N, C-alpha and C. Protein backbone atom coordinates (compact mmCIF):
# COMPACT_ATOMS: atom_id res chain seq x y z
N MET A 1 19.74 12.46 7.21
CA MET A 1 19.12 11.43 8.01
C MET A 1 19.28 10.08 7.31
N SER A 2 19.64 9.05 8.05
CA SER A 2 19.83 7.75 7.42
C SER A 2 18.50 7.01 7.31
N LYS A 3 18.44 6.17 6.29
CA LYS A 3 17.22 5.40 6.00
C LYS A 3 17.46 3.93 6.31
N THR A 4 16.38 3.26 6.68
CA THR A 4 16.38 1.83 6.89
C THR A 4 15.37 1.21 5.94
N SER A 5 15.74 0.10 5.35
CA SER A 5 14.83 -0.63 4.48
C SER A 5 14.27 -1.80 5.28
N LEU A 6 12.93 -1.91 5.31
CA LEU A 6 12.26 -2.98 6.04
C LEU A 6 11.46 -3.84 5.07
N VAL A 7 11.52 -5.14 5.26
CA VAL A 7 10.71 -6.08 4.48
C VAL A 7 9.63 -6.60 5.42
N LEU A 8 8.37 -6.42 5.02
CA LEU A 8 7.23 -6.79 5.86
C LEU A 8 6.45 -7.92 5.21
N THR A 9 6.02 -8.86 6.01
CA THR A 9 5.05 -9.84 5.54
C THR A 9 3.79 -9.63 6.35
N ILE A 10 2.65 -9.69 5.67
CA ILE A 10 1.36 -9.42 6.29
C ILE A 10 0.43 -10.58 5.94
N LEU A 11 -0.35 -11.04 6.92
CA LEU A 11 -1.31 -12.11 6.68
C LEU A 11 -2.54 -11.88 7.55
N GLY A 12 -3.72 -12.05 6.96
CA GLY A 12 -4.95 -11.91 7.74
C GLY A 12 -6.17 -12.23 6.91
N GLN A 13 -7.31 -12.35 7.58
CA GLN A 13 -8.58 -12.58 6.89
C GLN A 13 -8.82 -11.41 5.95
N ASP A 14 -9.11 -11.69 4.67
CA ASP A 14 -9.28 -10.63 3.69
C ASP A 14 -10.55 -9.84 3.95
N ARG A 15 -10.45 -8.53 3.79
CA ARG A 15 -11.59 -7.63 3.90
C ARG A 15 -11.19 -6.28 3.33
N PRO A 16 -12.17 -5.46 2.94
CA PRO A 16 -11.83 -4.14 2.42
C PRO A 16 -11.10 -3.30 3.47
N GLY A 17 -10.13 -2.53 3.01
CA GLY A 17 -9.43 -1.60 3.88
C GLY A 17 -8.11 -2.09 4.45
N LEU A 18 -7.74 -3.34 4.19
CA LEU A 18 -6.48 -3.84 4.74
C LEU A 18 -5.26 -3.10 4.19
N VAL A 19 -5.22 -2.94 2.89
CA VAL A 19 -4.08 -2.24 2.27
C VAL A 19 -4.02 -0.80 2.77
N ASP A 20 -5.19 -0.17 2.90
CA ASP A 20 -5.24 1.20 3.41
C ASP A 20 -4.68 1.27 4.83
N ALA A 21 -5.01 0.32 5.68
CA ALA A 21 -4.51 0.32 7.06
C ALA A 21 -2.98 0.23 7.08
N ILE A 22 -2.45 -0.62 6.22
CA ILE A 22 -0.99 -0.77 6.15
C ILE A 22 -0.36 0.51 5.60
N ALA A 23 -0.91 1.03 4.50
CA ALA A 23 -0.37 2.24 3.88
C ALA A 23 -0.44 3.43 4.82
N ARG A 24 -1.54 3.55 5.56
CA ARG A 24 -1.70 4.66 6.51
C ARG A 24 -0.63 4.55 7.60
N THR A 25 -0.41 3.36 8.11
CA THR A 25 0.58 3.15 9.17
C THR A 25 1.99 3.51 8.67
N VAL A 26 2.32 3.08 7.47
CA VAL A 26 3.63 3.40 6.90
C VAL A 26 3.77 4.91 6.72
N ALA A 27 2.74 5.56 6.17
CA ALA A 27 2.79 7.00 5.91
C ALA A 27 2.86 7.81 7.21
N GLU A 28 2.14 7.38 8.23
CA GLU A 28 2.15 8.09 9.51
C GLU A 28 3.53 8.11 10.15
N HIS A 29 4.39 7.20 9.75
CA HIS A 29 5.74 7.14 10.28
C HIS A 29 6.78 7.63 9.27
N GLY A 30 6.31 8.34 8.25
CA GLY A 30 7.21 8.92 7.27
C GLY A 30 7.84 7.90 6.34
N GLY A 31 7.25 6.72 6.26
CA GLY A 31 7.82 5.66 5.44
C GLY A 31 7.45 5.82 3.97
N ASN A 32 8.27 5.24 3.13
CA ASN A 32 8.04 5.24 1.69
C ASN A 32 7.80 3.80 1.24
N TRP A 33 6.63 3.53 0.68
CA TRP A 33 6.26 2.20 0.17
C TRP A 33 7.00 2.01 -1.13
N VAL A 34 7.99 1.11 -1.19
CA VAL A 34 8.88 0.98 -2.33
C VAL A 34 8.39 -0.08 -3.31
N GLU A 35 8.07 -1.28 -2.82
CA GLU A 35 7.60 -2.35 -3.70
C GLU A 35 6.79 -3.33 -2.89
N SER A 36 5.90 -4.08 -3.59
CA SER A 36 5.07 -5.04 -2.87
C SER A 36 4.49 -6.09 -3.81
N ARG A 37 4.07 -7.19 -3.22
CA ARG A 37 3.31 -8.24 -3.89
C ARG A 37 2.22 -8.63 -2.91
N MET A 38 0.99 -8.61 -3.36
CA MET A 38 -0.13 -8.94 -2.48
C MET A 38 -1.13 -9.79 -3.22
N ALA A 39 -1.81 -10.66 -2.47
CA ALA A 39 -2.76 -11.56 -3.12
C ALA A 39 -3.85 -11.98 -2.14
N HIS A 40 -4.97 -12.39 -2.72
CA HIS A 40 -6.08 -12.99 -2.00
C HIS A 40 -6.02 -14.48 -2.29
N LEU A 41 -5.86 -15.28 -1.23
CA LEU A 41 -5.77 -16.74 -1.39
C LEU A 41 -6.69 -17.39 -0.36
N ALA A 42 -7.69 -18.12 -0.84
CA ALA A 42 -8.58 -18.88 0.03
C ALA A 42 -9.14 -18.04 1.18
N GLY A 43 -9.58 -16.83 0.87
CA GLY A 43 -10.18 -15.97 1.87
C GLY A 43 -9.18 -15.22 2.74
N GLN A 44 -7.91 -15.44 2.51
CA GLN A 44 -6.86 -14.77 3.28
C GLN A 44 -6.18 -13.71 2.42
N PHE A 45 -5.73 -12.66 3.07
CA PHE A 45 -4.91 -11.63 2.43
C PHE A 45 -3.48 -11.94 2.79
N ALA A 46 -2.61 -12.02 1.80
CA ALA A 46 -1.18 -12.27 2.04
C ALA A 46 -0.38 -11.23 1.27
N GLY A 47 0.57 -10.63 1.92
CA GLY A 47 1.37 -9.63 1.24
C GLY A 47 2.79 -9.58 1.76
N ILE A 48 3.65 -9.13 0.89
CA ILE A 48 5.03 -8.86 1.25
C ILE A 48 5.36 -7.50 0.65
N LEU A 49 5.99 -6.65 1.41
CA LEU A 49 6.33 -5.33 0.89
C LEU A 49 7.63 -4.85 1.49
N ARG A 50 8.22 -3.90 0.79
CA ARG A 50 9.44 -3.27 1.26
C ARG A 50 9.18 -1.79 1.41
N VAL A 51 9.53 -1.26 2.57
CA VAL A 51 9.38 0.16 2.82
C VAL A 51 10.72 0.73 3.26
N GLU A 52 10.91 2.01 3.01
CA GLU A 52 12.07 2.71 3.53
C GLU A 52 11.58 3.76 4.51
N VAL A 53 12.27 3.85 5.62
CA VAL A 53 11.86 4.77 6.69
C VAL A 53 13.13 5.34 7.34
N ASP A 54 13.02 6.56 7.88
CA ASP A 54 14.14 7.11 8.63
C ASP A 54 14.49 6.14 9.75
N THR A 55 15.76 5.93 9.96
CA THR A 55 16.22 4.96 10.96
C THR A 55 15.60 5.26 12.33
N GLN A 56 15.45 6.54 12.67
CA GLN A 56 14.88 6.92 13.96
C GLN A 56 13.40 6.52 14.08
N GLN A 57 12.70 6.33 12.97
CA GLN A 57 11.28 5.96 12.99
C GLN A 57 11.05 4.45 12.87
N SER A 58 12.12 3.71 12.64
CA SER A 58 12.00 2.28 12.36
C SER A 58 11.30 1.51 13.48
N GLU A 59 11.74 1.69 14.72
CA GLU A 59 11.13 0.95 15.83
C GLU A 59 9.68 1.35 16.04
N ALA A 60 9.37 2.64 15.91
CA ALA A 60 7.99 3.09 16.08
C ALA A 60 7.09 2.51 14.99
N LEU A 61 7.60 2.44 13.77
CA LEU A 61 6.82 1.85 12.68
C LEU A 61 6.58 0.37 12.96
N GLN A 62 7.60 -0.34 13.40
CA GLN A 62 7.44 -1.75 13.71
C GLN A 62 6.40 -1.97 14.81
N ALA A 63 6.41 -1.13 15.83
CA ALA A 63 5.42 -1.24 16.92
C ALA A 63 4.02 -0.96 16.39
N ALA A 64 3.89 0.04 15.52
CA ALA A 64 2.58 0.37 14.95
C ALA A 64 2.07 -0.78 14.08
N LEU A 65 2.95 -1.40 13.34
CA LEU A 65 2.55 -2.55 12.52
C LEU A 65 2.11 -3.72 13.41
N ASP A 66 2.80 -3.92 14.53
CA ASP A 66 2.41 -4.96 15.47
C ASP A 66 1.01 -4.71 16.01
N SER A 67 0.65 -3.44 16.17
CA SER A 67 -0.67 -3.11 16.73
C SER A 67 -1.80 -3.45 15.73
N LEU A 68 -1.47 -3.66 14.45
CA LEU A 68 -2.49 -4.06 13.48
C LEU A 68 -3.03 -5.46 13.78
N ALA A 69 -2.34 -6.20 14.65
CA ALA A 69 -2.80 -7.54 15.03
C ALA A 69 -4.16 -7.47 15.72
N GLU A 70 -4.44 -6.34 16.38
CA GLU A 70 -5.75 -6.17 17.02
C GLU A 70 -6.87 -6.23 15.99
N GLY A 71 -6.58 -5.83 14.76
CA GLY A 71 -7.55 -5.89 13.67
C GLY A 71 -7.46 -7.19 12.86
N GLY A 72 -6.67 -8.15 13.34
CA GLY A 72 -6.58 -9.44 12.68
C GLY A 72 -5.47 -9.59 11.67
N LEU A 73 -4.56 -8.62 11.62
CA LEU A 73 -3.43 -8.72 10.68
C LEU A 73 -2.16 -9.12 11.41
N GLU A 74 -1.58 -10.23 11.00
CA GLU A 74 -0.29 -10.64 11.54
C GLU A 74 0.79 -10.04 10.66
N SER A 75 1.84 -9.54 11.28
CA SER A 75 2.93 -8.99 10.48
C SER A 75 4.27 -9.43 11.05
N THR A 76 5.23 -9.55 10.16
CA THR A 76 6.61 -9.85 10.53
C THR A 76 7.46 -8.81 9.81
N VAL A 77 8.42 -8.25 10.52
CA VAL A 77 9.27 -7.21 9.95
C VAL A 77 10.72 -7.66 10.03
N HIS A 78 11.42 -7.52 8.91
CA HIS A 78 12.85 -7.82 8.85
C HIS A 78 13.57 -6.60 8.28
N ALA A 79 14.64 -6.19 8.96
CA ALA A 79 15.46 -5.11 8.43
C ALA A 79 16.30 -5.65 7.29
N ASP A 80 16.36 -4.91 6.20
CA ASP A 80 17.17 -5.29 5.04
C ASP A 80 18.39 -4.39 5.02
N ALA A 81 19.46 -4.85 5.64
CA ALA A 81 20.67 -4.04 5.77
C ALA A 81 21.50 -4.01 4.50
N SER A 82 21.27 -4.96 3.61
CA SER A 82 22.10 -5.04 2.41
C SER A 82 21.52 -4.20 1.28
N ALA A 83 22.40 -3.59 0.54
CA ALA A 83 21.97 -2.85 -0.64
C ALA A 83 21.70 -3.86 -1.76
N PRO A 84 20.70 -3.59 -2.61
CA PRO A 84 20.44 -4.52 -3.70
C PRO A 84 21.67 -4.69 -4.58
N ALA A 85 21.97 -5.93 -4.91
CA ALA A 85 23.12 -6.22 -5.76
C ALA A 85 22.83 -5.83 -7.20
N ALA A 86 23.83 -5.36 -7.87
CA ALA A 86 23.68 -5.02 -9.28
C ALA A 86 23.46 -6.32 -10.06
N VAL A 87 22.48 -6.30 -10.93
CA VAL A 87 22.14 -7.50 -11.69
C VAL A 87 22.67 -7.33 -13.11
N GLU A 88 23.53 -8.26 -13.49
CA GLU A 88 24.14 -8.20 -14.81
C GLU A 88 23.27 -8.87 -15.87
N LYS A 89 22.82 -10.09 -15.58
CA LYS A 89 22.06 -10.85 -16.57
C LYS A 89 20.59 -10.46 -16.52
N PRO A 90 19.94 -10.41 -17.66
CA PRO A 90 18.51 -10.11 -17.66
C PRO A 90 17.71 -11.29 -17.10
N ALA A 91 16.52 -10.98 -16.67
CA ALA A 91 15.65 -12.02 -16.15
C ALA A 91 15.12 -12.88 -17.30
N VAL A 92 14.85 -14.14 -16.99
CA VAL A 92 14.25 -15.07 -17.94
C VAL A 92 12.85 -15.36 -17.44
N GLN A 93 11.88 -15.30 -18.33
CA GLN A 93 10.49 -15.58 -17.96
C GLN A 93 10.16 -17.03 -18.29
N LEU A 94 9.60 -17.73 -17.33
CA LEU A 94 9.19 -19.12 -17.50
C LEU A 94 7.66 -19.17 -17.47
N SER A 95 7.08 -19.87 -18.45
CA SER A 95 5.64 -20.14 -18.45
C SER A 95 5.46 -21.64 -18.54
N LEU A 96 4.55 -22.17 -17.73
CA LEU A 96 4.30 -23.60 -17.70
C LEU A 96 2.79 -23.83 -17.67
N VAL A 97 2.32 -24.78 -18.45
CA VAL A 97 0.91 -25.17 -18.46
C VAL A 97 0.85 -26.68 -18.60
N GLY A 98 -0.01 -27.32 -17.81
CA GLY A 98 -0.20 -28.76 -17.92
C GLY A 98 -1.34 -29.22 -17.04
N GLN A 99 -1.74 -30.45 -17.25
CA GLN A 99 -2.79 -31.02 -16.42
C GLN A 99 -2.30 -31.04 -14.98
N ASP A 100 -3.13 -30.59 -14.06
CA ASP A 100 -2.73 -30.50 -12.66
C ASP A 100 -2.48 -31.88 -12.06
N ARG A 101 -1.42 -31.94 -11.28
CA ARG A 101 -1.10 -33.14 -10.51
C ARG A 101 -0.09 -32.75 -9.44
N PRO A 102 -0.04 -33.48 -8.33
CA PRO A 102 0.93 -33.16 -7.29
C PRO A 102 2.37 -33.29 -7.81
N GLY A 103 3.25 -32.41 -7.35
CA GLY A 103 4.67 -32.54 -7.64
C GLY A 103 5.22 -31.67 -8.76
N ILE A 104 4.37 -30.93 -9.46
CA ILE A 104 4.88 -30.12 -10.58
C ILE A 104 5.88 -29.08 -10.07
N VAL A 105 5.49 -28.31 -9.05
CA VAL A 105 6.38 -27.26 -8.54
C VAL A 105 7.66 -27.90 -7.99
N ARG A 106 7.54 -29.02 -7.33
CA ARG A 106 8.71 -29.69 -6.77
C ARG A 106 9.69 -30.09 -7.86
N GLU A 107 9.22 -30.68 -8.94
CA GLU A 107 10.11 -31.13 -10.01
C GLU A 107 10.80 -29.95 -10.69
N ILE A 108 10.05 -28.91 -10.98
CA ILE A 108 10.63 -27.73 -11.65
C ILE A 108 11.61 -27.03 -10.72
N SER A 109 11.23 -26.84 -9.44
CA SER A 109 12.12 -26.16 -8.51
C SER A 109 13.40 -26.95 -8.27
N ARG A 110 13.32 -28.27 -8.32
CA ARG A 110 14.51 -29.11 -8.16
C ARG A 110 15.50 -28.84 -9.30
N VAL A 111 14.99 -28.78 -10.53
CA VAL A 111 15.86 -28.50 -11.69
C VAL A 111 16.49 -27.12 -11.55
N LEU A 112 15.69 -26.14 -11.17
CA LEU A 112 16.20 -24.77 -11.03
C LEU A 112 17.28 -24.70 -9.95
N ALA A 113 17.03 -25.32 -8.80
CA ALA A 113 18.00 -25.30 -7.71
C ALA A 113 19.28 -26.03 -8.09
N THR A 114 19.15 -27.16 -8.76
CA THR A 114 20.32 -27.94 -9.18
C THR A 114 21.24 -27.12 -10.07
N HIS A 115 20.65 -26.24 -10.88
CA HIS A 115 21.44 -25.43 -11.81
C HIS A 115 21.76 -24.03 -11.27
N GLY A 116 21.44 -23.78 -10.01
CA GLY A 116 21.77 -22.50 -9.39
C GLY A 116 20.94 -21.34 -9.88
N VAL A 117 19.75 -21.61 -10.40
CA VAL A 117 18.86 -20.56 -10.90
C VAL A 117 18.06 -19.98 -9.74
N ASN A 118 18.01 -18.66 -9.64
CA ASN A 118 17.27 -17.99 -8.58
C ASN A 118 15.84 -17.70 -9.06
N VAL A 119 14.85 -18.10 -8.27
CA VAL A 119 13.45 -17.79 -8.57
C VAL A 119 13.15 -16.46 -7.88
N GLU A 120 12.98 -15.40 -8.69
CA GLU A 120 12.71 -14.08 -8.13
C GLU A 120 11.23 -13.83 -7.91
N GLU A 121 10.41 -14.46 -8.71
CA GLU A 121 8.96 -14.32 -8.55
C GLU A 121 8.30 -15.56 -9.12
N LEU A 122 7.27 -16.03 -8.45
CA LEU A 122 6.54 -17.22 -8.89
C LEU A 122 5.06 -17.02 -8.62
N ASN A 123 4.25 -17.21 -9.65
CA ASN A 123 2.80 -17.14 -9.54
C ASN A 123 2.23 -18.42 -10.13
N THR A 124 1.37 -19.09 -9.35
CA THR A 124 0.76 -20.33 -9.82
C THR A 124 -0.74 -20.28 -9.58
N GLU A 125 -1.47 -21.06 -10.39
CA GLU A 125 -2.91 -21.21 -10.18
C GLU A 125 -3.42 -22.41 -10.94
N CYS A 126 -4.55 -22.91 -10.51
CA CYS A 126 -5.25 -23.99 -11.21
C CYS A 126 -6.53 -23.41 -11.79
N LYS A 127 -6.79 -23.75 -13.04
CA LYS A 127 -8.00 -23.29 -13.73
C LYS A 127 -8.61 -24.47 -14.46
N ARG A 128 -9.87 -24.36 -14.75
CA ARG A 128 -10.55 -25.37 -15.56
C ARG A 128 -10.26 -25.11 -17.03
N ALA A 129 -9.91 -26.16 -17.77
CA ALA A 129 -9.67 -26.05 -19.21
C ALA A 129 -11.00 -25.72 -19.87
N PRO A 130 -11.02 -24.77 -20.81
CA PRO A 130 -12.28 -24.35 -21.42
C PRO A 130 -13.03 -25.46 -22.16
N ASN A 131 -12.31 -26.35 -22.81
CA ASN A 131 -12.97 -27.38 -23.61
C ASN A 131 -13.30 -28.64 -22.82
N SER A 132 -12.35 -29.10 -22.02
CA SER A 132 -12.53 -30.39 -21.34
C SER A 132 -13.01 -30.26 -19.90
N GLY A 133 -12.80 -29.11 -19.28
CA GLY A 133 -13.16 -28.95 -17.88
C GLY A 133 -12.14 -29.53 -16.91
N GLN A 134 -11.05 -30.13 -17.43
CA GLN A 134 -10.01 -30.68 -16.57
C GLN A 134 -9.28 -29.54 -15.87
N SER A 135 -8.69 -29.85 -14.75
CA SER A 135 -7.93 -28.86 -13.99
C SER A 135 -6.55 -28.68 -14.62
N LEU A 136 -6.25 -27.44 -15.02
CA LEU A 136 -4.94 -27.12 -15.59
C LEU A 136 -4.13 -26.34 -14.57
N PHE A 137 -2.87 -26.72 -14.45
CA PHE A 137 -1.94 -26.00 -13.58
C PHE A 137 -1.17 -25.02 -14.46
N GLN A 138 -1.11 -23.76 -14.02
CA GLN A 138 -0.36 -22.74 -14.76
C GLN A 138 0.62 -22.08 -13.80
N ALA A 139 1.81 -21.83 -14.29
CA ALA A 139 2.83 -21.15 -13.51
C ALA A 139 3.55 -20.14 -14.38
N LYS A 140 3.86 -19.02 -13.79
CA LYS A 140 4.70 -18.00 -14.42
C LYS A 140 5.76 -17.62 -13.40
N ALA A 141 7.00 -17.56 -13.86
CA ALA A 141 8.10 -17.25 -12.95
C ALA A 141 9.10 -16.32 -13.62
N GLN A 142 9.69 -15.49 -12.80
CA GLN A 142 10.82 -14.68 -13.24
C GLN A 142 12.06 -15.31 -12.62
N LEU A 143 13.00 -15.69 -13.47
CA LEU A 143 14.19 -16.40 -13.04
C LEU A 143 15.44 -15.58 -13.33
N ARG A 144 16.47 -15.74 -12.52
CA ARG A 144 17.77 -15.12 -12.78
C ARG A 144 18.79 -16.24 -12.89
N LEU A 145 19.42 -16.32 -14.05
CA LEU A 145 20.39 -17.38 -14.31
C LEU A 145 21.72 -17.06 -13.64
N PRO A 146 22.44 -18.09 -13.19
CA PRO A 146 23.76 -17.85 -12.62
C PRO A 146 24.76 -17.50 -13.73
N GLU A 147 25.85 -16.93 -13.33
CA GLU A 147 26.92 -16.59 -14.27
C GLU A 147 27.34 -17.84 -15.02
N GLY A 148 27.45 -17.73 -16.33
CA GLY A 148 27.92 -18.83 -17.16
C GLY A 148 26.84 -19.78 -17.65
N MET A 149 25.61 -19.61 -17.22
CA MET A 149 24.54 -20.50 -17.69
C MET A 149 23.75 -19.80 -18.79
N SER A 150 23.50 -20.53 -19.86
CA SER A 150 22.73 -19.96 -20.96
C SER A 150 21.26 -20.32 -20.82
N GLU A 151 20.44 -19.53 -21.43
CA GLU A 151 19.01 -19.80 -21.46
C GLU A 151 18.75 -21.15 -22.15
N GLU A 152 19.52 -21.45 -23.18
CA GLU A 152 19.35 -22.70 -23.91
C GLU A 152 19.65 -23.92 -23.04
N SER A 153 20.69 -23.85 -22.20
CA SER A 153 20.99 -25.00 -21.34
C SER A 153 19.92 -25.19 -20.27
N LEU A 154 19.34 -24.09 -19.79
CA LEU A 154 18.22 -24.21 -18.85
C LEU A 154 17.01 -24.82 -19.56
N ARG A 155 16.74 -24.38 -20.76
CA ARG A 155 15.62 -24.92 -21.53
C ARG A 155 15.76 -26.44 -21.69
N THR A 156 16.95 -26.89 -22.02
CA THR A 156 17.21 -28.33 -22.19
C THR A 156 16.94 -29.09 -20.90
N ALA A 157 17.43 -28.57 -19.78
CA ALA A 157 17.23 -29.24 -18.49
C ALA A 157 15.75 -29.29 -18.12
N LEU A 158 15.03 -28.22 -18.36
CA LEU A 158 13.60 -28.19 -18.03
C LEU A 158 12.78 -29.10 -18.95
N GLU A 159 13.15 -29.15 -20.22
CA GLU A 159 12.42 -30.00 -21.17
C GLU A 159 12.54 -31.48 -20.82
N GLU A 160 13.65 -31.87 -20.19
CA GLU A 160 13.81 -33.27 -19.78
C GLU A 160 12.74 -33.68 -18.77
N VAL A 161 12.43 -32.81 -17.81
CA VAL A 161 11.40 -33.16 -16.82
C VAL A 161 10.00 -32.83 -17.33
N ALA A 162 9.90 -31.85 -18.22
CA ALA A 162 8.58 -31.46 -18.74
C ALA A 162 7.91 -32.59 -19.50
N SER A 163 8.68 -33.33 -20.26
CA SER A 163 8.08 -34.42 -21.03
C SER A 163 7.57 -35.52 -20.11
N ASP A 164 8.29 -35.81 -19.02
CA ASP A 164 7.83 -36.81 -18.05
C ASP A 164 6.55 -36.36 -17.35
N MET A 165 6.41 -35.05 -17.11
CA MET A 165 5.25 -34.53 -16.40
C MET A 165 4.11 -34.17 -17.35
N MET A 166 4.36 -34.21 -18.63
CA MET A 166 3.39 -33.83 -19.64
C MET A 166 2.89 -32.39 -19.44
N VAL A 167 3.87 -31.46 -19.35
CA VAL A 167 3.56 -30.04 -19.26
C VAL A 167 4.32 -29.33 -20.38
N ASP A 168 3.79 -28.18 -20.77
CA ASP A 168 4.47 -27.33 -21.75
C ASP A 168 5.21 -26.24 -21.01
N ILE A 169 6.49 -26.08 -21.35
CA ILE A 169 7.31 -25.05 -20.73
C ILE A 169 7.86 -24.15 -21.81
N HIS A 170 7.81 -22.84 -21.55
CA HIS A 170 8.37 -21.85 -22.48
C HIS A 170 9.23 -20.88 -21.71
N LEU A 171 10.39 -20.55 -22.25
CA LEU A 171 11.27 -19.55 -21.69
C LEU A 171 11.39 -18.40 -22.67
N GLN A 172 11.45 -17.20 -22.13
CA GLN A 172 11.71 -16.03 -22.97
C GLN A 172 12.53 -15.02 -22.24
């Protein structure tokens, strides 16, 4: 039997049982929950996940996921027809901390895009500094460098904008 890989995005008012409703729906259609990222943001539940399901069950699963809208969950389903590409270069981890201000993500993402760096995962948040109480912006990202680019050359490019923004950036 052939399998189909589906990428789902889910959004709705956060409440207990949302993940269970999604997992139950996937399981009822013989689907396999492969990977996911989920978060609570400003009272909302937001998630993205990838499931594999028998091709014959794909449409029924999509219809069942659409029916979750009655419970307040919006979902979008995309078929992922491509097989994951083999990754040669290891991922580079980026950590950033600095006083919060508009434009930090824009400046960093501009540098990454200019150098052809792929952002595979990005997590950001603002927290109060323990000593001063000022708002600190923190970001952690998993990056994949393009062929021929070194971690050191990326570090140099990021440090040029980091000093202007007064943020600390670390790559590992």
